[in-house]
């Protein structure tokens, strides 16, 4: 008998070099793209606002990290969308995904040890107990996490003493290197 893996889903975790400098520049960049809370959202975001030029500024600031991601994935990609989200005390993000094709990135811009993490749901139940399986993603400040867009993910209500701020982005894969 030979046991083998039928499916597996990987994610990337990347620590940002010179994060304190980049954090300051990213926070300055975000001043041009104010966030707001819509009545159907439990968080602040600029996703439904005009973010013209945000992707280009982000790519310029994060050039080394994007190069690192490209080399790790062994393919080029194009940013499709980028936005920021702030979670104040009690804010949360219900289960959602970003579509069926491509990858999603989360850059943890402002967090601390009390911040609620992001959880990803396995797309199938445990075959022995029919239970939902989820995984807590690394959500340390200065970290980027990348995973497939189709993965459902969520946060629990934020209870930290500091607002949690992330930059989220989606990208499409272009071709193999």
Protein backbone atom coordinates (compact mmCIF):
# COMPACT_ATOMS: atom_id res chain seq x y z
CA UNK A 1 0.00 0.00 0.00
CA UNK A 2 1.29 3.46 -0.91
CA UNK A 3 -0.20 6.56 0.68
CA UNK A 4 0.15 9.73 -1.42
CA UNK A 5 -1.00 13.34 -1.27
CA UNK A 6 -3.89 13.95 -3.65
CA UNK A 7 -4.19 17.73 -3.17
CA UNK A 8 -2.30 20.40 -1.33
CA UNK A 9 -2.59 24.18 -1.20
CA UNK A 10 0.50 26.24 -0.48
CA UNK A 11 0.84 29.83 0.64
CA UNK A 12 3.80 32.19 0.70
CA UNK A 13 4.98 34.15 3.72
CA UNK A 14 7.44 36.98 3.16
CA UNK A 15 8.96 39.30 5.74
CA UNK A 16 9.50 42.82 4.41
CA UNK A 17 13.08 44.06 4.66
CA UNK A 18 13.51 47.61 6.03
CA UNK A 19 9.90 47.45 7.14
CA UNK A 20 9.86 50.50 9.42
CA UNK A 21 10.97 52.75 6.57
CA UNK A 22 8.51 51.16 4.15
CA UNK A 23 5.70 51.28 6.71
CA UNK A 24 6.06 55.03 7.03
CA UNK A 25 6.05 55.47 3.25
CA UNK A 26 3.06 53.13 2.80
CA UNK A 27 1.07 54.98 5.48
CA UNK A 28 1.90 58.28 3.73
CA UNK A 29 0.75 56.77 0.41
CA UNK A 30 -2.56 55.69 1.95
CA UNK A 31 -3.39 59.27 3.01
CA UNK A 32 -4.33 59.90 -0.63
CA UNK A 33 -6.85 57.02 -0.51
CA UNK A 34 -9.10 57.59 2.54
CA UNK A 35 -11.11 54.71 3.94
CA UNK A 36 -14.76 54.74 4.89
CA UNK A 37 -17.24 52.37 6.44
CA UNK A 38 -20.21 51.44 4.25
CA UNK A 39 -23.42 50.34 5.94
CA UNK A 40 -22.95 46.69 4.92
CA UNK A 41 -19.30 46.47 6.05
CA UNK A 42 -17.87 45.77 9.48
CA UNK A 43 -14.56 47.56 8.77
CA UNK A 44 -13.11 50.66 7.11
CA UNK A 45 -11.86 50.35 3.53
CA UNK A 46 -11.14 52.31 0.37
CA UNK A 47 -12.04 49.40 -1.90
CA UNK A 48 -15.20 51.11 -3.19
CA UNK A 49 -13.40 54.46 -3.64
CA UNK A 50 -11.21 55.90 -6.38
CA UNK A 51 -7.75 54.38 -5.98
CA UNK A 52 -6.30 55.59 -9.26
CA UNK A 53 -2.48 55.35 -9.09
CA UNK A 54 -2.38 53.30 -5.88
CA UNK A 55 -1.12 50.13 -7.59
CA UNK A 56 1.75 51.97 -9.28
CA UNK A 57 2.83 53.64 -6.02
CA UNK A 58 2.65 50.31 -4.20
CA UNK A 59 4.70 48.53 -6.87
CA UNK A 60 7.35 51.26 -6.68
CA UNK A 61 7.61 51.06 -2.88
CA UNK A 62 7.54 47.26 -2.80
CA UNK A 63 9.75 46.58 -5.84
CA UNK A 64 12.11 44.19 -4.00
CA UNK A 65 9.30 42.19 -2.43
CA UNK A 66 7.50 41.91 -5.78
CA UNK A 67 10.73 40.66 -7.35
CA UNK A 68 11.05 38.11 -4.53
CA UNK A 69 7.48 36.91 -5.04
CA UNK A 70 7.99 36.64 -8.81
CA UNK A 71 11.13 34.54 -8.32
CA UNK A 72 9.46 32.31 -5.74
CA UNK A 73 6.36 31.70 -7.87
CA UNK A 74 8.50 31.31 -11.01
CA UNK A 75 6.11 33.47 -13.02
CA UNK A 76 5.24 37.08 -13.65
CA UNK A 77 2.03 38.62 -12.43
CA UNK A 78 -0.03 41.75 -12.83
CA UNK A 79 -1.72 43.57 -9.95
CA UNK A 80 -5.46 43.52 -10.65
CA UNK A 81 -6.64 45.40 -7.59
CA UNK A 82 -5.27 46.88 -4.38
CA UNK A 83 -6.97 48.45 -1.37
CA UNK A 84 -6.52 49.00 2.35
CA UNK A 85 -8.62 47.87 5.29
CA UNK A 86 -8.61 49.11 8.88
CA UNK A 87 -10.16 47.14 11.74
CA UNK A 88 -11.11 49.14 14.80
CA UNK A 89 -12.13 47.41 18.05
CA UNK A 90 -15.03 45.04 17.30
CA UNK A 91 -14.53 45.16 13.51
CA UNK A 92 -14.29 41.92 11.58
CA UNK A 93 -14.44 40.53 8.05
CA UNK A 94 -16.95 37.75 7.37
CA UNK A 95 -16.06 34.70 5.27
CA UNK A 96 -15.27 35.71 1.69
CA UNK A 97 -12.92 35.04 -1.21
CA UNK A 98 -11.58 37.13 -4.07
CA UNK A 99 -12.62 35.01 -7.07
CA UNK A 100 -11.61 31.79 -8.76
CA UNK A 101 -8.38 32.51 -10.66
CA UNK A 102 -5.21 34.18 -9.42
CA UNK A 103 -3.67 34.97 -6.06
CA UNK A 104 -4.47 37.25 -3.13
CA UNK A 105 -1.91 39.05 -1.00
CA UNK A 106 -2.25 40.51 2.49
CA UNK A 107 0.38 42.93 3.78
CA UNK A 108 0.09 43.36 7.54
CA UNK A 109 0.92 47.06 7.84
CA UNK A 110 -0.08 47.73 11.46
CA UNK A 111 -0.68 44.95 13.98
CA UNK A 112 0.41 43.80 17.40
CA UNK A 113 0.22 40.56 19.35
CA UNK A 114 -3.41 41.27 20.35
CA UNK A 115 -4.70 41.68 16.78
CA UNK A 116 -7.15 39.15 15.44
CA UNK A 117 -5.49 36.97 12.80
CA UNK A 118 -6.77 35.99 9.36
CA UNK A 119 -8.12 32.44 9.07
CA UNK A 120 -8.35 30.44 5.84
CA UNK A 121 -10.89 27.66 5.36
CA UNK A 122 -9.89 24.42 3.70
CA UNK A 123 -12.12 24.02 0.60
CA UNK A 124 -13.25 20.53 1.67
CA UNK A 125 -14.32 19.01 4.96
CA UNK A 126 -12.25 16.53 6.92
CA UNK A 127 -13.02 13.12 5.39
CA UNK A 128 -13.07 11.27 8.71
CA UNK A 129 -15.21 13.60 10.84
CA UNK A 130 -16.87 15.85 8.22
CA UNK A 131 -15.58 18.94 10.05
CA UNK A 132 -14.54 22.26 8.60
CA UNK A 133 -10.80 22.77 8.83
CA UNK A 134 -9.23 26.21 9.01
CA UNK A 135 -5.72 27.56 9.36
CA UNK A 136 -4.55 30.68 11.10
CA UNK A 137 -2.27 32.69 8.81
CA UNK A 138 0.82 34.50 10.05
CA UNK A 139 -0.35 38.06 10.70
CA UNK A 140 2.76 39.70 12.08
CA UNK A 141 3.38 43.34 11.23
CA UNK A 142 5.74 43.59 8.26
CA UNK A 143 4.65 40.29 6.73
CA UNK A 144 3.06 39.57 3.36
CA UNK A 145 1.02 36.39 2.95
CA UNK A 146 -0.06 35.16 -0.49
CA UNK A 147 -2.60 32.43 -1.22
CA UNK A 148 -5.05 31.42 -3.98
CA UNK A 149 -7.95 33.85 -4.50
CA UNK A 150 -10.54 31.06 -4.22
CA UNK A 151 -9.66 30.31 -0.59
CA UNK A 152 -12.39 31.51 1.75
CA UNK A 153 -10.95 33.55 4.60
CA UNK A 154 -12.16 35.71 7.49
CA UNK A 155 -11.21 37.55 10.67
CA UNK A 156 -12.76 37.43 14.09
CA UNK A 157 -13.76 40.69 15.82
CA UNK A 158 -10.69 42.81 16.48
CA UNK A 159 -9.95 43.32 20.15
CA UNK A 160 -6.48 44.85 20.02
CA UNK A 161 -5.54 48.16 21.59
CA UNK A 162 -4.22 49.35 18.21
CA UNK A 163 -6.19 49.55 14.96
CA UNK A 164 -5.21 46.70 12.64
CA UNK A 165 -4.37 47.90 9.12
CA UNK A 166 -3.66 45.75 6.08
CA UNK A 167 -3.10 46.33 2.39
CA UNK A 168 -4.84 43.66 0.33
CA UNK A 169 -4.15 42.97 -3.32
CA UNK A 170 -5.16 40.55 -6.03
CA UNK A 171 -3.01 39.60 -8.97
CA UNK A 172 -3.29 37.52 -12.05
CA UNK A 173 -0.56 35.14 -13.17
CA UNK A 174 0.83 36.01 -16.61
CA UNK A 175 3.24 33.29 -17.73
CA UNK A 176 5.88 30.91 -16.45
CA UNK A 177 9.43 32.20 -16.26
